[in-house]
N, C-alpha and C. Protein backbone atom coordinates (compact mmCIF):
# COMPACT_ATOMS: atom_id res chain seq x y z
N MET A 1 117.02 -20.98 5.59
CA MET A 1 117.59 -19.67 5.40
C MET A 1 116.43 -18.67 5.19
N ILE A 2 116.49 -17.55 5.81
CA ILE A 2 115.45 -16.53 5.62
C ILE A 2 116.16 -15.36 4.91
N LEU A 3 115.61 -14.94 3.78
CA LEU A 3 116.02 -13.70 3.12
C LEU A 3 114.96 -12.68 3.49
N ASN A 4 115.35 -11.52 3.99
CA ASN A 4 114.40 -10.64 4.61
C ASN A 4 114.77 -9.16 4.23
N ASP A 5 113.74 -8.45 3.65
CA ASP A 5 113.97 -7.01 3.33
C ASP A 5 112.65 -6.32 3.54
N SER A 6 112.75 -5.03 3.85
CA SER A 6 111.59 -4.20 4.08
C SER A 6 111.86 -2.76 3.74
N VAL A 7 110.79 -2.03 3.45
CA VAL A 7 110.89 -0.64 3.22
C VAL A 7 110.70 0.16 4.49
N TYR A 8 109.58 -0.09 5.17
CA TYR A 8 109.23 0.65 6.38
C TYR A 8 109.40 -0.13 7.70
N GLY A 9 109.82 -1.41 7.57
CA GLY A 9 110.03 -2.21 8.76
C GLY A 9 109.06 -3.34 9.02
N SER A 10 107.92 -3.36 8.44
CA SER A 10 106.92 -4.36 8.70
C SER A 10 107.38 -5.73 8.40
N ALA A 11 108.04 -5.91 7.24
CA ALA A 11 108.58 -7.19 6.81
C ALA A 11 109.72 -7.62 7.80
N PHE A 12 110.53 -6.71 8.25
CA PHE A 12 111.52 -7.04 9.27
C PHE A 12 110.86 -7.52 10.57
N ASP A 13 109.87 -6.81 11.01
CA ASP A 13 109.11 -7.23 12.20
C ASP A 13 108.55 -8.64 12.04
N LEU A 14 107.97 -8.88 10.87
CA LEU A 14 107.50 -10.25 10.52
C LEU A 14 108.62 -11.25 10.59
N GLY A 15 109.73 -10.92 9.98
CA GLY A 15 110.90 -11.73 9.95
C GLY A 15 111.34 -12.10 11.35
N ASP A 16 111.33 -11.14 12.26
CA ASP A 16 111.65 -11.37 13.64
C ASP A 16 110.76 -12.45 14.23
N ARG A 17 109.46 -12.30 13.99
CA ARG A 17 108.48 -13.20 14.55
C ARG A 17 108.64 -14.67 14.00
N ILE A 18 108.82 -14.74 12.70
CA ILE A 18 108.95 -16.03 12.06
C ILE A 18 110.23 -16.70 12.46
N THR A 19 111.32 -15.95 12.60
CA THR A 19 112.59 -16.46 13.10
C THR A 19 112.41 -17.07 14.55
N GLU A 20 111.72 -16.35 15.38
CA GLU A 20 111.47 -16.79 16.75
C GLU A 20 110.62 -18.10 16.71
N VAL A 21 109.57 -18.12 15.92
CA VAL A 21 108.75 -19.34 15.85
C VAL A 21 109.57 -20.59 15.35
N LEU A 22 110.33 -20.37 14.29
CA LEU A 22 111.16 -21.46 13.78
C LEU A 22 112.21 -21.94 14.76
N ALA A 23 112.84 -21.03 15.45
CA ALA A 23 113.80 -21.36 16.47
C ALA A 23 113.16 -22.14 17.60
N ASP A 24 111.96 -21.76 18.04
CA ASP A 24 111.23 -22.46 19.02
C ASP A 24 110.87 -23.89 18.61
N LYS A 25 110.73 -24.09 17.30
CA LYS A 25 110.49 -25.42 16.75
C LYS A 25 111.74 -26.28 16.61
N GLY A 26 112.86 -25.66 16.94
CA GLY A 26 114.16 -26.40 16.85
C GLY A 26 114.93 -26.24 15.58
N HIS A 27 114.49 -25.34 14.71
CA HIS A 27 115.16 -25.08 13.44
C HIS A 27 116.36 -24.15 13.66
N SER A 28 117.46 -24.45 13.04
CA SER A 28 118.61 -23.55 13.02
C SER A 28 118.44 -22.56 11.89
N ILE A 29 118.38 -21.27 12.17
CA ILE A 29 118.02 -20.22 11.22
C ILE A 29 119.19 -19.33 10.92
N THR A 30 119.46 -19.17 9.63
CA THR A 30 120.32 -18.07 9.10
C THR A 30 119.38 -17.06 8.50
N ARG A 31 119.49 -15.82 8.93
CA ARG A 31 118.67 -14.77 8.34
C ARG A 31 119.54 -13.69 7.79
N GLU A 32 119.27 -13.38 6.54
CA GLU A 32 120.02 -12.38 5.79
C GLU A 32 119.15 -11.20 5.41
N LYS A 33 119.49 -10.02 5.82
CA LYS A 33 118.80 -8.81 5.55
C LYS A 33 119.38 -8.08 4.31
N ALA A 34 120.57 -8.51 3.94
CA ALA A 34 121.18 -7.88 2.80
C ALA A 34 121.87 -9.06 2.05
N PRO A 35 121.06 -10.01 1.50
CA PRO A 35 121.64 -11.16 0.81
C PRO A 35 122.29 -10.77 -0.47
N THR A 36 123.17 -11.63 -0.90
CA THR A 36 123.84 -11.49 -2.25
C THR A 36 123.69 -12.94 -2.87
N ASP A 37 124.03 -12.99 -4.14
CA ASP A 37 124.02 -14.26 -4.81
C ASP A 37 124.96 -15.27 -4.11
N ASP A 38 125.98 -14.80 -3.46
CA ASP A 38 126.86 -15.66 -2.74
C ASP A 38 126.21 -16.29 -1.54
N THR A 39 125.19 -15.63 -0.98
CA THR A 39 124.45 -16.14 0.14
C THR A 39 123.91 -17.55 -0.19
N LEU A 40 123.40 -17.72 -1.41
CA LEU A 40 122.88 -19.02 -1.86
C LEU A 40 124.00 -20.05 -2.13
N ARG A 41 125.09 -19.57 -2.63
CA ARG A 41 126.25 -20.44 -3.04
C ARG A 41 127.02 -20.95 -1.83
N GLN A 42 127.24 -20.08 -0.85
CA GLN A 42 128.14 -20.35 0.21
C GLN A 42 127.51 -20.80 1.51
N SER A 43 126.21 -20.90 1.56
CA SER A 43 125.50 -21.28 2.79
C SER A 43 124.98 -22.65 2.76
N GLU A 44 125.01 -23.32 3.95
CA GLU A 44 124.33 -24.60 4.09
C GLU A 44 122.91 -24.35 4.56
N PHE A 45 121.94 -24.78 3.81
CA PHE A 45 120.50 -24.58 4.21
C PHE A 45 119.70 -25.69 3.62
N ASP A 46 118.54 -25.89 4.32
CA ASP A 46 117.59 -26.95 3.87
C ASP A 46 116.49 -26.35 3.04
N ALA A 47 116.17 -25.04 3.24
CA ALA A 47 115.10 -24.45 2.48
C ALA A 47 115.41 -22.92 2.46
N VAL A 48 114.69 -22.21 1.62
CA VAL A 48 114.75 -20.76 1.51
C VAL A 48 113.37 -20.14 1.68
N LEU A 49 113.30 -19.22 2.59
CA LEU A 49 112.06 -18.53 2.88
C LEU A 49 112.39 -17.02 2.72
N ALA A 50 111.71 -16.36 1.81
CA ALA A 50 111.84 -14.94 1.56
C ALA A 50 110.67 -14.25 2.23
N ILE A 51 110.93 -13.18 3.00
CA ILE A 51 109.94 -12.34 3.63
C ILE A 51 110.21 -10.95 3.26
N THR A 52 109.32 -10.38 2.50
CA THR A 52 109.57 -9.06 1.88
C THR A 52 108.35 -8.20 1.84
N SER A 53 108.60 -6.87 1.77
CA SER A 53 107.49 -5.94 1.47
C SER A 53 107.50 -5.71 -0.06
N THR A 54 106.55 -4.96 -0.51
CA THR A 54 106.44 -4.56 -1.90
C THR A 54 106.49 -3.07 -1.98
N THR A 55 107.19 -2.49 -2.94
CA THR A 55 107.33 -1.08 -3.05
C THR A 55 107.13 -0.67 -4.51
N GLY A 56 106.77 0.61 -4.75
CA GLY A 56 106.64 1.11 -6.11
C GLY A 56 105.59 0.35 -6.89
N SER A 57 105.98 -0.05 -8.07
CA SER A 57 105.08 -0.76 -8.96
C SER A 57 105.33 -2.26 -8.88
N GLY A 58 105.16 -2.80 -7.70
CA GLY A 58 105.32 -4.22 -7.48
C GLY A 58 106.79 -4.64 -7.38
N ASP A 59 107.62 -3.71 -6.87
CA ASP A 59 109.08 -3.95 -6.79
C ASP A 59 109.45 -4.46 -5.48
N LEU A 60 110.68 -5.08 -5.44
CA LEU A 60 111.29 -5.53 -4.25
C LEU A 60 111.99 -4.31 -3.54
N PRO A 61 112.16 -4.38 -2.25
CA PRO A 61 112.98 -3.38 -1.56
C PRO A 61 114.43 -3.45 -2.06
N GLU A 62 115.18 -2.43 -1.72
CA GLU A 62 116.53 -2.23 -2.29
C GLU A 62 117.48 -3.45 -2.19
N ASN A 63 117.58 -4.06 -0.98
CA ASN A 63 118.55 -5.13 -0.80
C ASN A 63 118.15 -6.33 -1.57
N LEU A 64 116.86 -6.67 -1.59
CA LEU A 64 116.37 -7.84 -2.40
C LEU A 64 116.37 -7.55 -3.87
N THR A 65 116.30 -6.30 -4.18
CA THR A 65 116.47 -5.92 -5.67
C THR A 65 117.85 -6.24 -6.14
N GLN A 66 118.84 -5.85 -5.35
CA GLN A 66 120.21 -6.12 -5.64
C GLN A 66 120.49 -7.68 -5.71
N PHE A 67 119.92 -8.42 -4.82
CA PHE A 67 120.04 -9.86 -4.72
C PHE A 67 119.40 -10.40 -6.00
N TRP A 68 118.19 -9.97 -6.38
CA TRP A 68 117.52 -10.51 -7.55
C TRP A 68 118.32 -10.22 -8.85
N LEU A 69 118.86 -9.05 -8.93
CA LEU A 69 119.69 -8.67 -10.15
C LEU A 69 120.93 -9.56 -10.18
N GLN A 70 121.60 -9.77 -9.09
CA GLN A 70 122.87 -10.59 -9.08
C GLN A 70 122.48 -12.01 -9.47
N CYS A 71 121.37 -12.50 -8.90
CA CYS A 71 121.03 -13.88 -9.26
C CYS A 71 120.65 -14.05 -10.70
N GLN A 72 120.09 -13.04 -11.31
CA GLN A 72 119.77 -13.09 -12.71
C GLN A 72 120.99 -13.21 -13.57
N GLU A 73 122.10 -12.67 -13.04
CA GLU A 73 123.39 -12.67 -13.81
C GLU A 73 124.25 -13.99 -13.53
N THR A 74 124.22 -14.40 -12.23
CA THR A 74 125.12 -15.49 -11.85
C THR A 74 124.48 -16.81 -11.70
N PHE A 75 123.19 -16.89 -11.56
CA PHE A 75 122.39 -18.11 -11.55
C PHE A 75 122.90 -19.11 -10.51
N PRO A 76 122.86 -18.74 -9.23
CA PRO A 76 123.29 -19.67 -8.14
C PRO A 76 122.19 -20.73 -7.85
N VAL A 77 122.30 -21.86 -8.53
CA VAL A 77 121.22 -22.86 -8.46
C VAL A 77 121.00 -23.39 -6.99
N ILE A 78 119.76 -23.67 -6.70
CA ILE A 78 119.32 -24.18 -5.40
C ILE A 78 118.62 -25.56 -5.66
N THR A 79 119.11 -26.32 -6.57
CA THR A 79 118.43 -27.45 -7.09
C THR A 79 117.72 -28.36 -5.96
N GLY A 80 116.38 -28.39 -6.14
CA GLY A 80 115.66 -29.22 -5.27
C GLY A 80 115.30 -28.69 -3.86
N LYS A 81 115.88 -27.58 -3.55
CA LYS A 81 115.62 -26.99 -2.18
C LYS A 81 114.23 -26.39 -2.17
N PRO A 82 113.41 -26.76 -1.17
CA PRO A 82 112.10 -26.08 -1.07
C PRO A 82 112.25 -24.56 -0.78
N TYR A 83 111.39 -23.81 -1.36
CA TYR A 83 111.44 -22.39 -1.10
C TYR A 83 109.96 -21.85 -0.84
N GLY A 84 109.89 -20.79 -0.19
CA GLY A 84 108.60 -20.08 0.01
C GLY A 84 108.75 -18.56 0.03
N VAL A 85 107.69 -17.90 -0.23
CA VAL A 85 107.72 -16.41 -0.26
C VAL A 85 106.54 -15.86 0.49
N ILE A 86 106.85 -14.92 1.39
CA ILE A 86 105.79 -14.21 2.15
C ILE A 86 105.98 -12.75 1.70
N ALA A 87 104.98 -12.16 1.12
CA ALA A 87 105.07 -10.78 0.65
C ALA A 87 103.92 -9.97 1.27
N LEU A 88 104.32 -8.73 1.66
CA LEU A 88 103.41 -7.72 2.20
C LEU A 88 103.16 -6.73 1.10
N GLY A 89 101.93 -6.32 0.94
CA GLY A 89 101.59 -5.35 -0.11
C GLY A 89 100.32 -4.60 0.26
N ASP A 90 99.91 -3.82 -0.71
CA ASP A 90 98.68 -3.01 -0.60
C ASP A 90 97.87 -3.17 -1.89
N SER A 91 96.66 -3.73 -1.72
CA SER A 91 95.87 -4.08 -2.90
C SER A 91 95.35 -2.90 -3.67
N SER A 92 95.49 -1.69 -3.17
CA SER A 92 95.05 -0.53 -3.91
C SER A 92 96.00 -0.19 -5.02
N TYR A 93 97.21 -0.86 -5.05
CA TYR A 93 98.12 -0.70 -6.14
C TYR A 93 97.93 -1.75 -7.20
N PRO A 94 98.14 -1.42 -8.46
CA PRO A 94 97.94 -2.35 -9.56
C PRO A 94 98.79 -3.60 -9.45
N GLU A 95 100.02 -3.48 -9.01
CA GLU A 95 100.90 -4.64 -8.94
C GLU A 95 101.00 -5.16 -7.50
N PHE A 96 99.85 -5.47 -6.94
CA PHE A 96 99.78 -6.00 -5.57
C PHE A 96 100.69 -7.15 -5.34
N CYS A 97 101.59 -7.03 -4.39
CA CYS A 97 102.52 -8.08 -4.00
C CYS A 97 103.37 -8.59 -5.25
N GLY A 98 103.67 -7.67 -6.13
CA GLY A 98 104.52 -8.05 -7.28
C GLY A 98 105.88 -8.61 -6.78
N SER A 99 106.28 -8.24 -5.61
CA SER A 99 107.60 -8.76 -5.13
C SER A 99 107.53 -10.24 -4.94
N ALA A 100 106.37 -10.80 -4.59
CA ALA A 100 106.17 -12.24 -4.46
C ALA A 100 106.40 -12.91 -5.82
N ASP A 101 105.80 -12.35 -6.85
CA ASP A 101 105.95 -12.94 -8.16
C ASP A 101 107.35 -12.99 -8.66
N LYS A 102 108.06 -11.87 -8.38
CA LYS A 102 109.49 -11.75 -8.79
C LYS A 102 110.30 -12.86 -8.10
N LEU A 103 110.15 -13.01 -6.82
CA LEU A 103 110.94 -14.00 -6.11
C LEU A 103 110.55 -15.40 -6.44
N ASP A 104 109.26 -15.62 -6.57
CA ASP A 104 108.74 -16.92 -6.93
C ASP A 104 109.32 -17.41 -8.26
N THR A 105 109.31 -16.51 -9.24
CA THR A 105 109.85 -16.81 -10.52
C THR A 105 111.42 -17.05 -10.46
N LEU A 106 112.07 -16.21 -9.67
CA LEU A 106 113.54 -16.35 -9.51
C LEU A 106 113.85 -17.72 -8.93
N PHE A 107 113.19 -18.10 -7.89
CA PHE A 107 113.57 -19.38 -7.19
C PHE A 107 113.22 -20.60 -8.12
N GLN A 108 112.19 -20.44 -8.94
CA GLN A 108 111.93 -21.53 -9.90
C GLN A 108 113.01 -21.56 -10.96
N GLU A 109 113.50 -20.39 -11.45
CA GLU A 109 114.60 -20.40 -12.41
C GLU A 109 115.85 -20.93 -11.80
N LEU A 110 116.03 -20.85 -10.50
CA LEU A 110 117.20 -21.34 -9.83
C LEU A 110 117.08 -22.84 -9.42
N ALA A 111 116.01 -23.45 -9.94
CA ALA A 111 115.76 -24.89 -9.79
C ALA A 111 115.33 -25.27 -8.39
N GLY A 112 114.78 -24.33 -7.68
CA GLY A 112 114.21 -24.60 -6.27
C GLY A 112 112.89 -25.33 -6.52
N THR A 113 112.40 -25.88 -5.41
CA THR A 113 111.13 -26.61 -5.39
C THR A 113 110.10 -25.81 -4.75
N ARG A 114 109.09 -25.41 -5.55
CA ARG A 114 107.96 -24.65 -4.95
C ARG A 114 106.92 -25.62 -4.35
N VAL A 115 106.71 -25.40 -3.08
CA VAL A 115 105.87 -26.34 -2.36
C VAL A 115 104.44 -25.73 -2.10
N SER A 116 104.33 -24.40 -2.26
CA SER A 116 103.02 -23.76 -2.13
C SER A 116 103.05 -22.40 -2.77
N GLU A 117 101.90 -21.86 -3.00
CA GLU A 117 101.79 -20.54 -3.58
C GLU A 117 102.38 -19.53 -2.54
N PRO A 118 102.93 -18.45 -3.01
CA PRO A 118 103.42 -17.45 -2.14
C PRO A 118 102.28 -16.92 -1.29
N CYS A 119 102.60 -16.52 -0.08
CA CYS A 119 101.67 -15.91 0.87
C CYS A 119 101.66 -14.38 0.57
N ARG A 120 100.50 -13.92 0.12
CA ARG A 120 100.36 -12.50 -0.16
C ARG A 120 99.43 -11.81 0.93
N ILE A 121 99.98 -10.87 1.67
CA ILE A 121 99.23 -10.27 2.74
C ILE A 121 98.96 -8.83 2.45
N ASP A 122 97.65 -8.49 2.41
CA ASP A 122 97.22 -7.16 2.05
C ASP A 122 97.09 -6.25 3.28
N ALA A 123 97.89 -5.19 3.30
CA ALA A 123 97.91 -4.24 4.45
C ALA A 123 96.59 -3.55 4.62
N LEU A 124 95.77 -3.48 3.59
CA LEU A 124 94.46 -2.85 3.71
C LEU A 124 93.47 -3.70 4.52
N GLU A 125 93.62 -4.98 4.47
CA GLU A 125 92.78 -5.90 5.12
C GLU A 125 93.33 -6.45 6.42
N THR A 126 94.64 -6.49 6.49
CA THR A 126 95.38 -7.17 7.61
C THR A 126 96.41 -6.29 8.17
N PRO A 127 96.14 -5.43 9.17
CA PRO A 127 97.14 -4.52 9.69
C PRO A 127 98.30 -5.27 10.37
N ASP A 128 98.07 -6.43 11.00
CA ASP A 128 99.08 -7.22 11.63
C ASP A 128 99.24 -8.50 10.76
N PRO A 129 100.38 -8.57 10.00
CA PRO A 129 100.57 -9.70 9.11
C PRO A 129 100.90 -11.01 9.78
N SER A 130 101.11 -11.03 11.11
CA SER A 130 101.61 -12.22 11.76
C SER A 130 100.64 -13.40 11.65
N GLU A 131 99.39 -13.19 11.89
CA GLU A 131 98.44 -14.29 11.92
C GLU A 131 98.39 -15.05 10.56
N PRO A 132 98.13 -14.34 9.44
CA PRO A 132 98.10 -15.11 8.19
C PRO A 132 99.46 -15.69 7.78
N ALA A 133 100.53 -14.98 8.12
CA ALA A 133 101.88 -15.48 7.80
C ALA A 133 102.20 -16.69 8.59
N LEU A 134 101.82 -16.73 9.88
CA LEU A 134 102.10 -17.96 10.69
C LEU A 134 101.23 -19.16 10.26
N GLU A 135 100.04 -18.89 9.83
CA GLU A 135 99.14 -19.92 9.36
C GLU A 135 99.79 -20.51 8.12
N TRP A 136 100.19 -19.66 7.17
CA TRP A 136 100.84 -20.10 5.91
C TRP A 136 102.08 -20.87 6.26
N LEU A 137 102.82 -20.34 7.17
CA LEU A 137 104.15 -20.99 7.55
C LEU A 137 103.95 -22.44 7.99
N GLN A 138 102.95 -22.71 8.83
CA GLN A 138 102.68 -24.09 9.31
C GLN A 138 102.44 -25.01 8.13
N GLU A 139 101.63 -24.51 7.21
CA GLU A 139 101.32 -25.36 5.98
C GLU A 139 102.60 -25.58 5.16
N TRP A 140 103.34 -24.50 5.04
CA TRP A 140 104.59 -24.55 4.21
C TRP A 140 105.61 -25.56 4.80
N LEU A 141 105.82 -25.47 6.14
CA LEU A 141 106.70 -26.38 6.84
C LEU A 141 106.29 -27.82 6.60
N ALA A 142 104.99 -28.10 6.72
CA ALA A 142 104.47 -29.44 6.52
C ALA A 142 104.71 -29.93 5.14
N LEU A 143 104.42 -29.10 4.18
CA LEU A 143 104.57 -29.47 2.75
C LEU A 143 106.11 -29.64 2.37
N SER A 144 106.98 -28.86 3.06
CA SER A 144 108.34 -28.91 2.82
C SER A 144 109.03 -30.05 3.48
N GLY A 145 108.31 -30.67 4.36
CA GLY A 145 108.90 -31.77 5.13
C GLY A 145 109.93 -31.33 6.21
N LEU A 146 109.75 -30.13 6.65
CA LEU A 146 110.71 -29.54 7.61
C LEU A 146 110.15 -29.55 9.01
């Protein structure tokens, strides 16, 4: 399952690319751009991959903020499911890729299995996030056993 949100569209574009790559590898993908806590409760999935931008002071975009708040209240456990986070950000801000930290902590609290560090992509150094994200994805898939 891919949870995907963006402020200006870059994380959605990256979500498109990753969805395409995973489908080409034979994975069945559910992609949610406006997930709720019910998304985790009512869906069949082998793993969770969040692809997000960072806004403000290390914040999540609006839809993932609502998801994060709901999950803090309802605690939809994902016991043992591997998860990963790809976050886009700008290192000139003090809370660079703070969205990655928020989702990483959330998925740990929901009893997910962290198989690798979140992928943090700096827009100042990497105008096209596809290359580092796809590199990270290959490693994450191998570590997740997917």
